[in-house]
């Protein structure tokens, strides 16, 4: 097991012991990201404009994040695939999410 669970700690470096923020793995998708200059990169996205997240600001206060995606670069293809599988297994699905998305879409169409 990779140790990834529903709240994925963001760590800017190996030496940091305290998470700098969290990304709840709810209603997200993860896929390979084909970039010419970055091999073995995966991308975590949401159907929403931003991914729900929280991070610590420079004053130590927890604030909402505003990321459209997160990209992670692995050392090799096998490691990238293992990360993707672990993250996919950890993503939770809210049963009401699809219903809310459909209602939101219908409301937008009626405007």
C-alpha atoms as a PDB file:
ATOM      1  CA  UNK A   1       0.000   0.000   0.000  1.00  0.00           C
ATOM      2  CA  UNK A   2       1.234   3.493  -0.817  1.00  0.00           C
ATOM      3  CA  UNK A   3      -0.218   5.129   2.286  1.00  0.00           C
ATOM      4  CA  UNK A   4      -2.508   7.381   0.237  1.00  0.00           C
ATOM      5  CA  UNK A   5      -5.966   7.820   1.708  1.00  0.00           C
ATOM      6  CA  UNK A   6      -8.948  10.146   1.361  1.00  0.00           C
ATOM      7  CA  UNK A   7      -6.952  13.143   2.519  1.00  0.00           C
ATOM      8  CA  UNK A   8      -3.724  13.347   0.628  1.00  0.00           C
ATOM      9  CA  UNK A   9      -1.049  15.436   2.400  1.00  0.00           C
ATOM     10  CA  UNK A  10       0.848  17.895   0.225  1.00  0.00           C
ATOM     11  CA  UNK A  11       4.537  17.896   1.000  1.00  0.00           C
ATOM     12  CA  UNK A  12       6.836  20.303  -0.816  1.00  0.00           C
ATOM     13  CA  UNK A  13       9.966  18.314   0.007  1.00  0.00           C
ATOM     14  CA  UNK A  14      11.179  15.048   1.484  1.00  0.00           C
ATOM     15  CA  UNK A  15      12.601  16.809   4.564  1.00  0.00           C
ATOM     16  CA  UNK A  16       9.289  18.406   5.605  1.00  0.00           C
ATOM     17  CA  UNK A  17       7.449  16.436   8.267  1.00  0.00           C
ATOM     18  CA  UNK A  18       4.254  18.496   8.529  1.00  0.00           C
ATOM     19  CA  UNK A  19       1.721  18.506   5.662  1.00  0.00           C
ATOM     20  CA  UNK A  20       1.322  21.941   4.084  1.00  0.00           C
ATOM     21  CA  UNK A  21      -2.254  21.207   3.024  1.00  0.00           C
ATOM     22  CA  UNK A  22      -4.761  18.546   2.067  1.00  0.00           C
ATOM     23  CA  UNK A  23      -6.619  17.477  -1.046  1.00  0.00           C
ATOM     24  CA  UNK A  24      -9.689  15.396  -0.187  1.00  0.00           C
ATOM     25  CA  UNK A  25      -9.854  12.708  -2.860  1.00  0.00           C
ATOM     26  CA  UNK A  26     -13.553  13.165  -3.620  1.00  0.00           C
ATOM     27  CA  UNK A  27     -15.064  13.029  -7.107  1.00  0.00           C
ATOM     28  CA  UNK A  28     -11.717  13.439  -8.833  1.00  0.00           C
ATOM     29  CA  UNK A  29     -10.154  11.711 -11.803  1.00  0.00           C
ATOM     30  CA  UNK A  30      -6.537  10.832 -12.417  1.00  0.00           C
ATOM     31  CA  UNK A  31      -4.951  10.212 -15.794  1.00  0.00           C
ATOM     32  CA  UNK A  32      -1.636  10.230 -17.568  1.00  0.00           C
ATOM     33  CA  UNK A  33      -0.605  13.692 -18.715  1.00  0.00           C
ATOM     34  CA  UNK A  34       1.303  13.710 -22.003  1.00  0.00           C
ATOM     35  CA  UNK A  35       3.826  16.534 -21.778  1.00  0.00           C
ATOM     36  CA  UNK A  36       6.839  16.715 -24.094  1.00  0.00           C
ATOM     37  CA  UNK A  37       9.168  18.070 -21.414  1.00  0.00           C
ATOM     38  CA  UNK A  38       7.938  15.959 -18.441  1.00  0.00           C
ATOM     39  CA  UNK A  39       7.825  12.185 -18.852  1.00  0.00           C
ATOM     40  CA  UNK A  40       5.851   9.940 -16.488  1.00  0.00           C
ATOM     41  CA  UNK A  41       3.500  12.704 -15.346  1.00  0.00           C
ATOM     42  CA  UNK A  42       0.009  12.136 -14.004  1.00  0.00           C
ATOM     43  CA  UNK A  43      -2.695  14.713 -13.513  1.00  0.00           C
ATOM     44  CA  UNK A  44      -5.474  14.893 -10.926  1.00  0.00           C
ATOM     45  CA  UNK A  45      -8.546  16.885 -12.061  1.00  0.00           C
ATOM     46  CA  UNK A  46     -12.134  17.597 -11.110  1.00  0.00           C
ATOM     47  CA  UNK A  47     -15.224  18.218 -13.208  1.00  0.00           C
ATOM     48  CA  UNK A  48     -15.580  21.428 -11.214  1.00  0.00           C
ATOM     49  CA  UNK A  49     -13.470  24.490 -12.016  1.00  0.00           C
ATOM     50  CA  UNK A  50     -11.297  23.976  -8.934  1.00  0.00           C
ATOM     51  CA  UNK A  51     -10.271  20.968  -6.868  1.00  0.00           C
ATOM     52  CA  UNK A  52     -11.419  21.155  -3.265  1.00  0.00           C
ATOM     53  CA  UNK A  53      -8.295  21.639  -1.132  1.00  0.00           C
ATOM     54  CA  UNK A  54      -6.855  23.501   1.829  1.00  0.00           C
ATOM     55  CA  UNK A  55      -3.351  24.782   2.433  1.00  0.00           C
ATOM     56  CA  UNK A  56      -1.407  26.700   5.048  1.00  0.00           C
ATOM     57  CA  UNK A  57      -0.644  30.310   4.136  1.00  0.00           C
ATOM     58  CA  UNK A  58       2.557  32.132   5.082  1.00  0.00           C
ATOM     59  CA  UNK A  59       1.020  33.131   8.432  1.00  0.00           C
ATOM     60  CA  UNK A  60       0.153  29.538   9.328  1.00  0.00           C
ATOM     61  CA  UNK A  61      -3.593  29.963   8.725  1.00  0.00           C
ATOM     62  CA  UNK A  62      -5.485  27.259   6.794  1.00  0.00           C
ATOM     63  CA  UNK A  63      -7.042  28.666   3.589  1.00  0.00           C
ATOM     64  CA  UNK A  64      -8.884  27.209   0.591  1.00  0.00           C
ATOM     65  CA  UNK A  65      -6.754  26.194  -2.369  1.00  0.00           C
ATOM     66  CA  UNK A  66      -7.706  27.153  -5.922  1.00  0.00           C
ATOM     67  CA  UNK A  67      -6.038  24.609  -8.184  1.00  0.00           C
ATOM     68  CA  UNK A  68      -7.579  23.389 -11.429  1.00  0.00           C
ATOM     69  CA  UNK A  69      -5.286  20.351 -11.402  1.00  0.00           C
ATOM     70  CA  UNK A  70      -2.322  18.758  -9.669  1.00  0.00           C
ATOM     71  CA  UNK A  71       0.504  17.189 -11.646  1.00  0.00           C
ATOM     72  CA  UNK A  72       2.886  14.612 -10.231  1.00  0.00           C
ATOM     73  CA  UNK A  73       5.975  13.390 -12.036  1.00  0.00           C
ATOM     74  CA  UNK A  74       7.165   9.873 -11.295  1.00  0.00           C
ATOM     75  CA  UNK A  75      10.647   8.432 -11.859  1.00  0.00           C
ATOM     76  CA  UNK A  76       9.466   5.872 -14.416  1.00  0.00           C
ATOM     77  CA  UNK A  77       6.375   4.465 -16.137  1.00  0.00           C
ATOM     78  CA  UNK A  78       5.806   1.696 -13.568  1.00  0.00           C
ATOM     79  CA  UNK A  79       5.932   4.153 -10.676  1.00  0.00           C
ATOM     80  CA  UNK A  80       3.497   6.486 -12.479  1.00  0.00           C
ATOM     81  CA  UNK A  81       1.058   3.612 -13.045  1.00  0.00           C
ATOM     82  CA  UNK A  82       1.350   2.559  -9.381  1.00  0.00           C
ATOM     83  CA  UNK A  83       0.589   6.142  -8.234  1.00  0.00           C
ATOM     84  CA  UNK A  84      -2.407   6.330 -10.563  1.00  0.00           C
ATOM     85  CA  UNK A  85      -3.779   2.999  -9.328  1.00  0.00           C
ATOM     86  CA  UNK A  86      -3.314   3.979  -5.663  1.00  0.00           C
ATOM     87  CA  UNK A  87      -4.976   7.350  -6.147  1.00  0.00           C
ATOM     88  CA  UNK A  88      -7.881   5.830  -8.109  1.00  0.00           C
ATOM     89  CA  UNK A  89      -8.469   3.270  -5.344  1.00  0.00           C
ATOM     90  CA  UNK A  90      -8.521   6.097  -2.788  1.00  0.00           C
ATOM     91  CA  UNK A  91     -10.925   8.403  -4.612  1.00  0.00           C
ATOM     92  CA  UNK A  92     -14.325   8.440  -2.954  1.00  0.00           C
ATOM     93  CA  UNK A  93     -17.499   9.004  -4.910  1.00  0.00           C
ATOM     94  CA  UNK A  94     -20.371  10.994  -3.435  1.00  0.00           C
ATOM     95  CA  UNK A  95     -23.603   9.337  -4.618  1.00  0.00           C
ATOM     96  CA  UNK A  96     -25.341  12.737  -4.843  1.00  0.00           C
ATOM     97  CA  UNK A  97     -22.552  14.359  -6.852  1.00  0.00           C
ATOM     98  CA  UNK A  98     -23.880  13.222 -10.268  1.00  0.00           C
ATOM     99  CA  UNK A  99     -27.388  14.362  -9.340  1.00  0.00           C
ATOM    100  CA  UNK A 100     -26.114  17.782  -8.276  1.00  0.00           C
ATOM    101  CA  UNK A 101     -24.057  18.101 -11.474  1.00  0.00           C
ATOM    102  CA  UNK A 102     -27.137  17.284 -13.600  1.00  0.00           C
ATOM    103  CA  UNK A 103     -29.283  19.827 -11.732  1.00  0.00           C
ATOM    104  CA  UNK A 104     -26.570  22.457 -12.079  1.00  0.00           C
ATOM    105  CA  UNK A 105     -26.307  21.785 -15.819  1.00  0.00           C
ATOM    106  CA  UNK A 106     -30.105  21.982 -16.252  1.00  0.00           C
ATOM    107  CA  UNK A 107     -30.238  25.263 -14.321  1.00  0.00           C
ATOM    108  CA  UNK A 108     -27.499  26.732 -16.542  1.00  0.00           C
ATOM    109  CA  UNK A 109     -29.367  25.654 -19.705  1.00  0.00           C
ATOM    110  CA  UNK A 110     -32.566  27.379 -18.552  1.00  0.00           C
ATOM    111  CA  UNK A 111     -30.853  30.754 -18.065  1.00  0.00           C
END
